[in-house]
């Protein structure tokens, strides 16, 4: 890279003012600029190449990490699904046991009530049977009295 002094020399006249100098070869300014800019441009190209390599490595690294993250996510989902199946099975078993316990309690209560109903029926049956027999006999007597009244015979109890 050129220094500041070299930069300033571009602005100096090629010859000192005065009488006309013999003609010389004109200075090639574009060649001088190319020579001056070649080293920084070469460094810039090198920096661009390094940046490109860094981006490519970063892209490859990002793709690798993305792939690993997807693999981990799939493993987590599979584990969660398996755990969900285990939890569902465990919960279903608990609900089934609770339902069986409730059904057994209801059955025991129903059997207890059935025993109580049978006992009440056993106790009440003779009195009810007597009442039914009495009612039936009353109906039979009433029917006989009605038939006798229809035929014109006096009832048997009035004789």
N, C-alpha and C. Protein backbone atom coordinates (compact mmCIF):
# COMPACT_ATOMS: atom_id res chain seq x y z
N UNK A 1 0.85 -1.15 0.00
CA UNK A 1 0.00 0.00 0.00
C UNK A 1 0.91 1.23 0.00
N UNK A 2 0.45 2.26 -0.67
CA UNK A 2 1.29 3.46 -0.78
C UNK A 2 1.09 4.34 0.43
N UNK A 3 2.10 5.12 0.73
CA UNK A 3 2.03 6.01 1.87
C UNK A 3 1.40 7.35 1.50
N UNK A 4 1.30 8.21 2.50
CA UNK A 4 0.68 9.51 2.30
C UNK A 4 1.52 10.39 1.37
N UNK A 5 2.86 10.31 1.52
CA UNK A 5 3.76 11.10 0.68
C UNK A 5 3.58 10.72 -0.78
N UNK A 6 3.48 9.42 -1.05
CA UNK A 6 3.28 8.99 -2.44
C UNK A 6 1.95 9.48 -2.97
N UNK A 7 0.98 9.53 -2.12
CA UNK A 7 -0.34 10.03 -2.52
C UNK A 7 -0.25 11.50 -2.94
N UNK A 8 0.51 12.28 -2.16
CA UNK A 8 0.63 13.71 -2.47
C UNK A 8 1.45 13.96 -3.74
N UNK A 9 2.35 13.09 -4.06
CA UNK A 9 3.18 13.30 -5.26
C UNK A 9 2.36 13.21 -6.53
N UNK A 10 1.18 12.62 -6.46
CA UNK A 10 0.35 12.58 -7.65
C UNK A 10 -0.09 13.98 -8.06
N UNK A 11 -0.18 14.86 -7.14
CA UNK A 11 -0.68 16.19 -7.44
C UNK A 11 0.44 17.20 -7.79
N UNK A 12 1.70 16.81 -7.75
CA UNK A 12 2.80 17.69 -8.13
C UNK A 12 2.94 17.69 -9.64
N UNK A 13 3.30 18.82 -10.15
CA UNK A 13 3.53 18.83 -11.59
C UNK A 13 4.76 17.99 -11.93
N UNK A 14 4.75 17.46 -13.08
CA UNK A 14 5.84 16.60 -13.50
C UNK A 14 7.14 17.41 -13.66
N UNK A 15 7.05 18.60 -14.04
CA UNK A 15 8.24 19.45 -14.22
C UNK A 15 8.00 20.77 -13.54
N UNK A 16 9.02 21.47 -13.28
CA UNK A 16 8.85 22.77 -12.66
C UNK A 16 8.39 23.78 -13.69
N UNK A 17 7.67 24.81 -13.25
CA UNK A 17 7.18 25.77 -14.22
C UNK A 17 8.34 26.56 -14.85
N UNK A 18 8.15 26.92 -15.97
CA UNK A 18 9.19 27.69 -16.66
C UNK A 18 9.14 27.41 -18.14
N UNK A 19 10.31 27.42 -18.73
CA UNK A 19 10.36 27.22 -20.16
C UNK A 19 9.90 25.82 -20.52
N UNK A 20 9.44 25.67 -21.67
CA UNK A 20 8.88 24.40 -22.13
C UNK A 20 9.96 23.33 -22.11
N UNK A 21 9.57 22.22 -21.61
CA UNK A 21 10.48 21.10 -21.52
C UNK A 21 10.30 20.22 -22.73
N UNK A 22 11.29 19.49 -22.97
CA UNK A 22 11.13 18.58 -24.09
C UNK A 22 9.99 17.61 -23.78
N UNK A 23 9.32 17.26 -24.75
CA UNK A 23 8.17 16.39 -24.52
C UNK A 23 8.64 15.02 -24.06
N UNK A 24 7.90 14.53 -23.09
CA UNK A 24 8.25 13.23 -22.54
C UNK A 24 7.08 12.27 -22.71
N UNK A 25 7.23 11.17 -22.15
CA UNK A 25 6.17 10.16 -22.21
C UNK A 25 5.15 10.53 -21.13
N UNK A 26 3.91 10.67 -21.52
CA UNK A 26 2.92 11.04 -20.52
C UNK A 26 2.79 9.93 -19.46
N UNK A 27 2.52 10.34 -18.27
CA UNK A 27 2.36 9.38 -17.18
C UNK A 27 1.08 8.60 -17.36
N UNK A 28 1.16 7.28 -17.11
CA UNK A 28 -0.01 6.40 -17.24
C UNK A 28 -0.72 6.35 -15.89
N UNK A 29 -1.68 7.24 -15.74
CA UNK A 29 -2.40 7.35 -14.47
C UNK A 29 -3.21 6.08 -14.15
N UNK A 30 -3.83 5.51 -15.13
CA UNK A 30 -4.64 4.32 -14.86
C UNK A 30 -3.75 3.16 -14.41
N UNK A 31 -2.56 3.03 -14.94
CA UNK A 31 -1.64 1.98 -14.52
C UNK A 31 -1.20 2.24 -13.08
N UNK A 32 -0.95 3.51 -12.78
CA UNK A 32 -0.57 3.84 -11.42
C UNK A 32 -1.70 3.53 -10.44
N UNK A 33 -2.94 3.87 -10.81
CA UNK A 33 -4.09 3.57 -9.94
C UNK A 33 -4.28 2.06 -9.77
N UNK A 34 -4.11 1.33 -10.88
CA UNK A 34 -4.23 -0.14 -10.79
C UNK A 34 -3.15 -0.70 -9.88
N UNK A 35 -1.95 -0.19 -10.00
CA UNK A 35 -0.85 -0.67 -9.15
C UNK A 35 -1.12 -0.31 -7.69
N UNK A 36 -1.70 0.86 -7.48
CA UNK A 36 -1.99 1.30 -6.13
C UNK A 36 -3.14 0.51 -5.51
N UNK A 37 -4.16 0.17 -6.30
CA UNK A 37 -5.34 -0.51 -5.78
C UNK A 37 -5.24 -2.04 -5.80
N UNK A 38 -4.26 -2.58 -6.50
CA UNK A 38 -4.14 -4.04 -6.61
C UNK A 38 -3.99 -4.71 -5.24
N UNK A 39 -3.09 -4.24 -4.36
CA UNK A 39 -2.96 -4.94 -3.07
C UNK A 39 -4.24 -4.88 -2.21
N UNK A 40 -4.90 -3.68 -2.08
CA UNK A 40 -6.13 -3.71 -1.27
C UNK A 40 -7.23 -4.56 -1.88
N UNK A 41 -7.34 -4.54 -3.23
CA UNK A 41 -8.35 -5.38 -3.88
C UNK A 41 -8.05 -6.85 -3.70
N UNK A 42 -6.77 -7.22 -3.72
CA UNK A 42 -6.41 -8.62 -3.50
C UNK A 42 -6.79 -9.02 -2.07
N UNK A 43 -6.53 -8.12 -1.12
CA UNK A 43 -6.93 -8.40 0.27
C UNK A 43 -8.45 -8.50 0.38
N UNK A 44 -9.15 -7.64 -0.35
CA UNK A 44 -10.61 -7.68 -0.33
C UNK A 44 -11.14 -9.00 -0.91
N UNK A 45 -10.54 -9.45 -2.00
CA UNK A 45 -10.94 -10.74 -2.59
C UNK A 45 -10.68 -11.87 -1.62
N UNK A 46 -9.54 -11.79 -0.93
CA UNK A 46 -9.21 -12.81 0.05
C UNK A 46 -10.24 -12.78 1.20
N UNK A 47 -10.60 -11.57 1.65
CA UNK A 47 -11.60 -11.45 2.72
C UNK A 47 -12.95 -11.98 2.25
N UNK A 48 -13.31 -11.72 0.99
CA UNK A 48 -14.57 -12.25 0.46
C UNK A 48 -14.54 -13.77 0.41
N UNK A 49 -13.42 -14.34 0.01
CA UNK A 49 -13.30 -15.80 -0.03
C UNK A 49 -13.43 -16.38 1.37
N UNK A 50 -12.78 -15.73 2.34
CA UNK A 50 -12.88 -16.21 3.72
C UNK A 50 -14.33 -16.09 4.22
N UNK A 51 -14.97 -14.96 3.91
CA UNK A 51 -16.36 -14.77 4.33
C UNK A 51 -17.26 -15.84 3.70
N UNK A 52 -17.02 -16.14 2.42
CA UNK A 52 -17.79 -17.17 1.72
C UNK A 52 -17.59 -18.52 2.41
N UNK A 53 -16.33 -18.83 2.75
CA UNK A 53 -16.03 -20.10 3.42
C UNK A 53 -16.70 -20.15 4.79
N UNK A 54 -16.67 -19.03 5.51
CA UNK A 54 -17.31 -18.98 6.83
C UNK A 54 -18.82 -19.18 6.69
N UNK A 55 -19.44 -18.54 5.69
CA UNK A 55 -20.88 -18.70 5.46
C UNK A 55 -21.22 -20.15 5.11
N UNK A 56 -20.39 -20.75 4.27
CA UNK A 56 -20.65 -22.15 3.88
C UNK A 56 -20.54 -23.07 5.09
N UNK A 57 -19.50 -22.85 5.94
CA UNK A 57 -19.36 -23.66 7.15
C UNK A 57 -20.55 -23.42 8.08
N UNK A 58 -20.99 -22.16 8.19
CA UNK A 58 -22.13 -21.83 9.05
C UNK A 58 -23.40 -22.48 8.52
N UNK A 59 -23.59 -22.45 7.19
CA UNK A 59 -24.77 -23.10 6.60
C UNK A 59 -24.75 -24.60 6.87
N UNK A 60 -23.56 -25.21 6.70
CA UNK A 60 -23.44 -26.65 6.94
C UNK A 60 -23.68 -26.96 8.42
N UNK A 61 -23.11 -26.12 9.29
CA UNK A 61 -23.29 -26.32 10.73
C UNK A 61 -24.76 -26.13 11.11
N UNK A 62 -25.41 -25.11 10.54
CA UNK A 62 -26.83 -24.87 10.83
C UNK A 62 -27.68 -26.05 10.34
N UNK A 63 -27.36 -26.57 9.16
CA UNK A 63 -28.12 -27.71 8.64
C UNK A 63 -27.92 -28.93 9.55
N UNK A 64 -26.70 -29.12 10.02
CA UNK A 64 -26.42 -30.24 10.91
C UNK A 64 -27.19 -30.08 12.23
N UNK A 65 -27.16 -28.87 12.78
CA UNK A 65 -27.88 -28.63 14.04
C UNK A 65 -29.39 -28.78 13.84
N UNK A 66 -29.90 -28.28 12.70
CA UNK A 66 -31.32 -28.41 12.41
C UNK A 66 -31.72 -29.89 12.33
N UNK A 67 -30.87 -30.68 11.64
CA UNK A 67 -31.13 -32.11 11.50
C UNK A 67 -31.11 -32.78 12.88
N UNK A 68 -30.14 -32.43 13.71
CA UNK A 68 -30.05 -33.00 15.05
C UNK A 68 -31.26 -32.59 15.89
N UNK A 69 -31.67 -31.32 15.77
CA UNK A 69 -32.85 -30.85 16.52
C UNK A 69 -34.10 -31.59 16.06
N UNK A 70 -34.25 -31.82 14.76
CA UNK A 70 -35.40 -32.57 14.26
C UNK A 70 -35.39 -33.99 14.80
N UNK A 71 -34.19 -34.60 14.83
CA UNK A 71 -34.07 -35.96 15.34
C UNK A 71 -34.45 -36.00 16.83
N UNK A 72 -33.97 -35.01 17.59
CA UNK A 72 -34.30 -34.95 19.01
C UNK A 72 -35.80 -34.71 19.21
N UNK A 73 -36.38 -33.84 18.39
CA UNK A 73 -37.81 -33.57 18.50
C UNK A 73 -38.62 -34.83 18.20
N UNK A 74 -38.22 -35.57 17.17
CA UNK A 74 -38.92 -36.82 16.86
C UNK A 74 -38.81 -37.81 18.01
N UNK A 75 -37.61 -37.89 18.62
CA UNK A 75 -37.42 -38.79 19.75
C UNK A 75 -38.29 -38.36 20.92
N UNK A 76 -38.37 -37.04 21.16
CA UNK A 76 -39.21 -36.54 22.26
C UNK A 76 -40.68 -36.85 22.01
N UNK A 77 -41.12 -36.66 20.77
CA UNK A 77 -42.53 -36.94 20.43
C UNK A 77 -42.82 -38.43 20.61
N UNK A 78 -41.89 -39.28 20.15
CA UNK A 78 -42.10 -40.72 20.30
C UNK A 78 -42.15 -41.11 21.78
N UNK A 79 -41.26 -40.53 22.58
CA UNK A 79 -41.26 -40.82 24.02
C UNK A 79 -42.55 -40.32 24.66
N UNK A 80 -43.01 -39.14 24.26
CA UNK A 80 -44.24 -38.58 24.83
C UNK A 80 -45.44 -39.45 24.44
N UNK A 81 -45.46 -39.93 23.22
CA UNK A 81 -46.57 -40.80 22.80
C UNK A 81 -46.57 -42.11 23.59
N UNK A 82 -45.37 -42.67 23.79
CA UNK A 82 -45.28 -43.91 24.56
C UNK A 82 -45.72 -43.66 25.99
N UNK A 83 -45.29 -42.57 26.57
CA UNK A 83 -45.70 -42.23 27.94
C UNK A 83 -47.21 -41.99 28.01
N UNK A 84 -47.76 -41.35 26.98
CA UNK A 84 -49.21 -41.11 26.96
C UNK A 84 -49.96 -42.44 26.93
N UNK A 85 -49.45 -43.41 26.15
CA UNK A 85 -50.10 -44.73 26.11
C UNK A 85 -50.03 -45.39 27.50
N UNK A 86 -48.87 -45.29 28.16
CA UNK A 86 -48.75 -45.87 29.49
C UNK A 86 -49.69 -45.19 30.49
N UNK A 87 -49.76 -43.87 30.40
CA UNK A 87 -50.64 -43.13 31.32
C UNK A 87 -52.09 -43.49 31.06
N UNK A 88 -52.47 -43.58 29.77
CA UNK A 88 -53.85 -43.96 29.44
C UNK A 88 -54.17 -45.36 29.99
N UNK A 89 -53.24 -46.30 29.80
CA UNK A 89 -53.47 -47.67 30.29
C UNK A 89 -53.58 -47.68 31.80
N UNK A 90 -52.68 -46.95 32.48
CA UNK A 90 -52.71 -46.90 33.94
C UNK A 90 -54.01 -46.26 34.43
N UNK A 91 -54.42 -45.19 33.78
CA UNK A 91 -55.65 -44.50 34.15
C UNK A 91 -56.87 -45.39 33.90
N UNK A 92 -56.88 -46.06 32.76
CA UNK A 92 -58.00 -46.97 32.45
C UNK A 92 -58.08 -48.08 33.49
N UNK A 93 -56.91 -48.59 33.91
CA UNK A 93 -56.90 -49.64 34.92
C UNK A 93 -57.44 -49.11 36.25
N UNK A 94 -57.04 -47.89 36.62
CA UNK A 94 -57.53 -47.29 37.86
C UNK A 94 -59.04 -47.06 37.80
N UNK A 95 -59.51 -46.56 36.66
CA UNK A 95 -60.95 -46.32 36.50
C UNK A 95 -61.71 -47.64 36.55
N UNK A 96 -61.16 -48.67 35.92
CA UNK A 96 -61.81 -49.98 35.93
C UNK A 96 -61.88 -50.53 37.35
N UNK A 97 -60.74 -50.42 38.09
CA UNK A 97 -60.76 -50.89 39.48
C UNK A 97 -61.78 -50.11 40.31
N UNK A 98 -61.83 -48.80 40.12
CA UNK A 98 -62.80 -47.98 40.86
C UNK A 98 -64.22 -48.38 40.50
N UNK A 99 -64.48 -48.60 39.21
CA UNK A 99 -65.82 -49.00 38.77
C UNK A 99 -66.18 -50.37 39.33
N UNK A 100 -65.21 -51.29 39.34
CA UNK A 100 -65.48 -52.61 39.89
C UNK A 100 -65.78 -52.51 41.39
N UNK A 101 -65.02 -51.66 42.08
CA UNK A 101 -65.27 -51.46 43.52
C UNK A 101 -66.64 -50.87 43.76
N UNK A 102 -67.00 -49.88 42.95
CA UNK A 102 -68.31 -49.25 43.08
C UNK A 102 -69.42 -50.25 42.76
N UNK A 103 -69.20 -51.06 41.73
CA UNK A 103 -70.20 -52.07 41.37
C UNK A 103 -70.35 -53.09 42.50
N UNK A 104 -69.23 -53.48 43.10
CA UNK A 104 -69.30 -54.44 44.21
C UNK A 104 -70.04 -53.82 45.40
N UNK A 105 -69.78 -52.55 45.68
CA UNK A 105 -70.47 -51.87 46.78
C UNK A 105 -71.97 -51.77 46.47
N UNK A 106 -72.31 -51.41 45.23
CA UNK A 106 -73.72 -51.33 44.87
C UNK A 106 -74.40 -52.69 44.96
N UNK A 107 -73.68 -53.74 44.52
CA UNK A 107 -74.23 -55.10 44.59
C UNK A 107 -74.44 -55.51 46.04
N UNK A 108 -73.47 -55.20 46.91
CA UNK A 108 -73.62 -55.55 48.32
C UNK A 108 -74.79 -54.80 48.94
N UNK A 109 -74.92 -53.52 48.59
CA UNK A 109 -76.04 -52.72 49.10
C UNK A 109 -77.35 -53.27 48.59
N UNK A 110 -77.39 -53.66 47.30
CA UNK A 110 -78.62 -54.22 46.73
C UNK A 110 -78.97 -55.54 47.41
N UNK A 111 -77.97 -56.38 47.68
CA UNK A 111 -78.23 -57.64 48.36
C UNK A 111 -78.74 -57.39 49.77
N UNK A 112 -78.15 -56.41 50.43
CA UNK A 112 -78.61 -56.06 51.78
C UNK A 112 -80.07 -55.59 51.74
N UNK A 113 -80.40 -54.75 50.77
CA UNK A 113 -81.78 -54.27 50.62
C UNK A 113 -82.70 -55.42 50.28
N UNK A 114 -82.24 -56.35 49.43
CA UNK A 114 -83.08 -57.50 49.07
C UNK A 114 -83.36 -58.36 50.30
N UNK A 115 -82.34 -58.54 51.13
CA UNK A 115 -82.54 -59.31 52.36
C UNK A 115 -83.56 -58.61 53.24
N UNK A 116 -83.43 -57.29 53.35
CA UNK A 116 -84.37 -56.52 54.18
C UNK A 116 -85.78 -56.62 53.62
N UNK A 117 -85.90 -56.53 52.29
CA UNK A 117 -87.24 -56.63 51.67
C UNK A 117 -87.81 -58.02 51.90
N UNK A 118 -86.98 -59.05 51.76
CA UNK A 118 -87.46 -60.42 51.99
C UNK A 118 -87.91 -60.60 53.44
N UNK A 119 -87.14 -60.01 54.35
CA UNK A 119 -87.49 -60.12 55.76
C UNK A 119 -88.81 -59.40 56.04
N UNK A 120 -88.96 -58.19 55.49
CA UNK A 120 -90.22 -57.46 55.66
C UNK A 120 -91.38 -58.25 55.05
N UNK A 121 -91.13 -58.82 53.88
CA UNK A 121 -92.17 -59.62 53.22
C UNK A 121 -92.54 -60.83 54.07
N UNK A 122 -91.53 -61.49 54.63
CA UNK A 122 -91.79 -62.66 55.48
C UNK A 122 -92.61 -62.27 56.70
N UNK A 123 -92.26 -61.09 57.26
CA UNK A 123 -92.99 -60.63 58.45
C UNK A 123 -94.40 -60.19 58.09
N UNK A 124 -94.57 -59.49 57.00
CA UNK A 124 -95.87 -58.91 56.64
C UNK A 124 -96.79 -59.89 55.91
N UNK A 125 -96.26 -60.91 55.32
CA UNK A 125 -97.06 -61.82 54.49
C UNK A 125 -98.22 -62.45 55.25
N UNK A 126 -98.01 -62.99 56.41
CA UNK A 126 -99.18 -63.62 57.08
C UNK A 126 -100.31 -62.63 57.34
N UNK A 127 -99.97 -61.42 57.79
CA UNK A 127 -101.03 -60.43 58.06
C UNK A 127 -101.70 -60.01 56.77
N UNK A 128 -100.91 -59.82 55.74
CA UNK A 128 -101.48 -59.42 54.45
C UNK A 128 -102.32 -60.56 53.86
N UNK A 129 -101.84 -61.77 54.03
CA UNK A 129 -102.60 -62.92 53.52
C UNK A 129 -103.94 -63.01 54.24
N UNK A 130 -103.90 -62.81 55.56
CA UNK A 130 -105.16 -62.83 56.31
C UNK A 130 -106.10 -61.74 55.81
N UNK A 131 -105.55 -60.56 55.58
CA UNK A 131 -106.37 -59.45 55.10
C UNK A 131 -106.95 -59.75 53.73
N UNK A 132 -106.10 -60.33 52.85
CA UNK A 132 -106.57 -60.66 51.50
C UNK A 132 -107.66 -61.71 51.59
N UNK A 133 -107.45 -62.71 52.42
CA UNK A 133 -108.46 -63.77 52.56
C UNK A 133 -109.76 -63.16 53.08
N UNK A 134 -109.65 -62.26 54.05
CA UNK A 134 -110.84 -61.61 54.60
C UNK A 134 -111.54 -60.80 53.53
N UNK A 135 -110.79 -60.05 52.75
CA UNK A 135 -111.39 -59.24 51.67
C UNK A 135 -112.04 -60.14 50.63
N UNK A 136 -111.38 -61.22 50.29
CA UNK A 136 -111.94 -62.14 49.29
C UNK A 136 -113.23 -62.74 49.84
N UNK A 137 -113.22 -63.14 51.12
CA UNK A 137 -114.43 -63.71 51.71
C UNK A 137 -115.56 -62.68 51.74
N UNK A 138 -115.19 -61.42 52.04
CA UNK A 138 -116.21 -60.37 52.02
C UNK A 138 -116.78 -60.21 50.62
N UNK A 139 -115.88 -60.22 49.63
CA UNK A 139 -116.36 -60.11 48.24
C UNK A 139 -117.25 -61.29 47.87
N UNK A 140 -116.85 -62.46 48.29
CA UNK A 140 -117.65 -63.65 47.97
C UNK A 140 -119.03 -63.52 48.64
N UNK A 141 -119.08 -63.13 49.92
CA UNK A 141 -120.35 -62.97 50.62
C UNK A 141 -121.20 -61.89 49.96
N UNK A 142 -120.52 -60.78 49.58
CA UNK A 142 -121.26 -59.70 48.93
C UNK A 142 -121.83 -60.18 47.61
N UNK A 143 -121.06 -60.96 46.88
CA UNK A 143 -121.53 -61.48 45.60
C UNK A 143 -122.68 -62.45 45.82
N UNK A 144 -122.57 -63.26 46.82
CA UNK A 144 -123.66 -64.21 47.09
C UNK A 144 -124.91 -63.47 47.51
N UNK A 145 -124.77 -62.44 48.31
CA UNK A 145 -125.92 -61.66 48.74
C UNK A 145 -126.55 -60.96 47.54
N UNK A 146 -125.75 -60.45 46.66
CA UNK A 146 -126.27 -59.78 45.48
C UNK A 146 -127.03 -60.78 44.61
N UNK A 147 -126.48 -61.97 44.42
CA UNK A 147 -127.16 -62.98 43.59
C UNK A 147 -128.48 -63.41 44.27
N UNK A 148 -128.39 -63.57 45.57
CA UNK A 148 -129.61 -64.00 46.29
C UNK A 148 -130.67 -62.91 46.20
N UNK A 149 -130.24 -61.66 46.27
CA UNK A 149 -131.19 -60.55 46.18
C UNK A 149 -131.77 -60.51 44.78
N UNK A 150 -131.00 -60.85 43.82
CA UNK A 150 -131.51 -60.86 42.44
C UNK A 150 -132.54 -61.98 42.27
N UNK A 151 -132.39 -63.09 42.92
CA UNK A 151 -133.31 -64.21 42.80
C UNK A 151 -134.51 -64.04 43.75
N UNK A 152 -134.36 -63.14 44.65
CA UNK A 152 -135.45 -62.90 45.59
C UNK A 152 -135.32 -63.75 46.83
N UNK A 153 -134.29 -64.34 47.13
CA UNK A 153 -134.08 -65.11 48.36
C UNK A 153 -133.46 -64.20 49.39
N UNK A 154 -133.85 -64.38 50.59
CA UNK A 154 -133.22 -63.59 51.64
C UNK A 154 -131.80 -64.07 51.88
N UNK A 155 -130.94 -63.19 52.35
CA UNK A 155 -129.55 -63.62 52.61
C UNK A 155 -129.53 -64.67 53.69
N UNK A 156 -128.54 -65.50 53.67
CA UNK A 156 -128.44 -66.64 54.58
C UNK A 156 -128.23 -66.21 56.02
N UNK A 157 -127.60 -65.12 56.27
CA UNK A 157 -127.31 -64.68 57.62
C UNK A 157 -128.54 -64.08 58.28
N UNK A 158 -129.62 -63.71 57.53
CA UNK A 158 -130.77 -63.04 58.10
C UNK A 158 -131.82 -64.05 58.55
N UNK A 159 -131.73 -65.28 58.39
CA UNK A 159 -132.73 -66.26 58.75
C UNK A 159 -132.89 -66.42 60.16
